[in-house]
Amino acid sequence: MTCSEFLELLDEVLDNKLDAAVRADMEKHLYRCTNCEVVLNATKKTIEIYRCNEVYEMPDELRTKLHDRIMEKCKKTKIGEEAEAAE
């Protein structure tokens, strides 16, 4: 199994809808591919947080840094140009 194939099957993995042969291939892939393991774990954690419906407060300093980085990236794209034109 390749990383692309794993990502295509991610929904089925999360819904536990894989047949035994595909699941075995996926588990072999995850054993040797740290990137896909991280994607799977992060996706599972994101779903868990969403389902818990808990609100996590972000510290003001972190919120400001994140906002500034996003705006910096946006300015390098069409989105940034549209945002500046709207101001």
C-alpha atoms as a PDB file:
ATOM      1  CA  MET A   1       0.000   0.000   0.000  1.00  0.00           C
ATOM      2  CA  THR A   2       1.229   3.493  -0.825  1.00  0.00           C
ATOM      3  CA  CYS A   3       0.596   6.691   1.104  1.00  0.00           C
ATOM      4  CA  SER A   4      -1.837   7.837  -1.597  1.00  0.00           C
ATOM      5  CA  GLU A   5      -3.769   4.587  -1.360  1.00  0.00           C
ATOM      6  CA  PHE A   6      -3.863   4.914   2.417  1.00  0.00           C
ATOM      7  CA  LEU A   7      -5.246   8.453   2.179  1.00  0.00           C
ATOM      8  CA  GLU A   8      -7.889   7.338  -0.298  1.00  0.00           C
ATOM      9  CA  LEU A   9      -9.033   4.736   2.243  1.00  0.00           C
ATOM     10  CA  LEU A  10      -8.864   7.008   5.283  1.00  0.00           C
ATOM     11  CA  ASP A  11     -12.659   7.349   5.587  1.00  0.00           C
ATOM     12  CA  GLU A  12     -13.077   3.580   5.498  1.00  0.00           C
ATOM     13  CA  VAL A  13     -10.277   3.182   8.039  1.00  0.00           C
ATOM     14  CA  LEU A  14     -11.950   5.631  10.415  1.00  0.00           C
ATOM     15  CA  ASP A  15     -15.357   3.994   9.915  1.00  0.00           C
ATOM     16  CA  ASN A  16     -13.816   0.531  10.405  1.00  0.00           C
ATOM     17  CA  LYS A  17     -15.183  -0.648   7.046  1.00  0.00           C
ATOM     18  CA  LEU A  18     -12.116  -2.393   5.599  1.00  0.00           C
ATOM     19  CA  ASP A  19     -12.066  -6.058   4.732  1.00  0.00           C
ATOM     20  CA  ALA A  20      -9.415  -8.188   6.426  1.00  0.00           C
ATOM     21  CA  ALA A  21      -6.958  -8.226   3.507  1.00  0.00           C
ATOM     22  CA  VAL A  22      -7.011  -4.452   3.020  1.00  0.00           C
ATOM     23  CA  ARG A  23      -6.773  -3.900   6.774  1.00  0.00           C
ATOM     24  CA  ALA A  24      -3.676  -6.124   6.895  1.00  0.00           C
ATOM     25  CA  ASP A  25      -2.062  -4.118   4.065  1.00  0.00           C
ATOM     26  CA  MET A  26      -2.941  -0.885   5.838  1.00  0.00           C
ATOM     27  CA  GLU A  27      -1.462  -2.071   9.130  1.00  0.00           C
ATOM     28  CA  LYS A  28       1.768  -3.100   7.370  1.00  0.00           C
ATOM     29  CA  HIS A  29       1.941   0.318   5.751  1.00  0.00           C
ATOM     30  CA  LEU A  30       1.339   2.120   9.052  1.00  0.00           C
ATOM     31  CA  TYR A  31       4.048   0.044  10.720  1.00  0.00           C
ATOM     32  CA  ARG A  32       6.683   1.406   8.350  1.00  0.00           C
ATOM     33  CA  CYS A  33       5.224   4.834   7.483  1.00  0.00           C
ATOM     34  CA  THR A  34       5.381   7.346  10.299  1.00  0.00           C
ATOM     35  CA  ASN A  35       3.746  10.076   8.196  1.00  0.00           C
ATOM     36  CA  CYS A  36       0.571   8.085   7.590  1.00  0.00           C
ATOM     37  CA  GLU A  37       0.509   7.011  11.231  1.00  0.00           C
ATOM     38  CA  VAL A  38       0.629  10.679  12.255  1.00  0.00           C
ATOM     39  CA  VAL A  39      -2.159  11.547   9.794  1.00  0.00           C
ATOM     40  CA  LEU A  40      -4.343   8.749  11.145  1.00  0.00           C
ATOM     41  CA  ASN A  41      -3.720   9.621  14.795  1.00  0.00           C
ATOM     42  CA  ALA A  42      -4.210  13.355  14.239  1.00  0.00           C
ATOM     43  CA  THR A  43      -7.438  12.744  12.333  1.00  0.00           C
ATOM     44  CA  LYS A  44      -8.749  10.447  15.059  1.00  0.00           C
ATOM     45  CA  LYS A  45      -7.857  13.024  17.724  1.00  0.00           C
ATOM     46  CA  THR A  46      -9.523  15.819  15.745  1.00  0.00           C
ATOM     47  CA  ILE A  47     -12.719  13.785  15.468  1.00  0.00           C
ATOM     48  CA  GLU A  48     -12.567  12.966  19.173  1.00  0.00           C
ATOM     49  CA  ILE A  49     -12.191  16.642  20.104  1.00  0.00           C
ATOM     50  CA  TYR A  50     -15.011  17.624  17.765  1.00  0.00           C
ATOM     51  CA  ARG A  51     -17.333  14.976  19.203  1.00  0.00           C
ATOM     52  CA  CYS A  52     -16.566  16.074  22.764  1.00  0.00           C
ATOM     53  CA  ASN A  53     -17.642  19.564  21.744  1.00  0.00           C
ATOM     54  CA  GLU A  54     -15.128  21.062  24.140  1.00  0.00           C
ATOM     55  CA  VAL A  55     -13.916  24.598  23.605  1.00  0.00           C
ATOM     56  CA  TYR A  56     -10.193  25.143  23.943  1.00  0.00           C
ATOM     57  CA  GLU A  57      -9.143  28.685  24.658  1.00  0.00           C
ATOM     58  CA  MET A  58      -6.104  29.839  22.764  1.00  0.00           C
ATOM     59  CA  PRO A  59      -3.730  32.189  24.591  1.00  0.00           C
ATOM     60  CA  ASP A  60      -3.799  35.725  23.131  1.00  0.00           C
ATOM     61  CA  GLU A  61      -0.112  35.615  22.213  1.00  0.00           C
ATOM     62  CA  LEU A  62      -0.554  32.378  20.282  1.00  0.00           C
ATOM     63  CA  ARG A  63      -3.732  33.673  18.618  1.00  0.00           C
ATOM     64  CA  THR A  64      -1.883  36.810  17.460  1.00  0.00           C
ATOM     65  CA  LYS A  65       1.090  34.826  16.120  1.00  0.00           C
ATOM     66  CA  LEU A  66      -1.224  32.445  14.280  1.00  0.00           C
ATOM     67  CA  HIS A  67      -3.250  35.302  12.804  1.00  0.00           C
ATOM     68  CA  ASP A  68      -0.114  37.118  11.665  1.00  0.00           C
ATOM     69  CA  ARG A  69       1.284  33.981   9.990  1.00  0.00           C
ATOM     70  CA  ILE A  70      -1.987  33.287   8.205  1.00  0.00           C
ATOM     71  CA  MET A  71      -2.215  36.866   6.967  1.00  0.00           C
ATOM     72  CA  GLU A  72       1.422  36.717   5.827  1.00  0.00           C
ATOM     73  CA  LYS A  73       0.665  33.611   3.747  1.00  0.00           C
ATOM     74  CA  CYS A  74      -2.563  35.119   2.408  1.00  0.00           C
ATOM     75  CA  LYS A  75      -0.764  38.228   1.196  1.00  0.00           C
ATOM     76  CA  LYS A  76       1.323  35.983  -1.050  1.00  0.00           C
ATOM     77  CA  THR A  77      -1.813  34.600  -2.706  1.00  0.00           C
ATOM     78  CA  LYS A  78      -4.903  35.838  -4.498  1.00  0.00           C
ATOM     79  CA  ILE A  79      -6.798  35.645  -1.195  1.00  0.00           C
ATOM     80  CA  GLY A  80      -4.490  38.252   0.266  1.00  0.00           C
ATOM     81  CA  GLU A  81      -4.978  40.548  -2.712  1.00  0.00           C
ATOM     82  CA  GLU A  82      -8.761  40.288  -2.384  1.00  0.00           C
ATOM     83  CA  ALA A  83      -8.592  40.946   1.370  1.00  0.00           C
ATOM     84  CA  GLU A  84      -6.457  44.042   0.873  1.00  0.00           C
ATOM     85  CA  ALA A  85      -8.822  45.345  -1.815  1.00  0.00           C
ATOM     86  CA  ALA A  86     -11.780  44.924   0.547  1.00  0.00           C
ATOM     87  CA  GLU A  87     -10.113  47.017   3.260  1.00  0.00           C
END
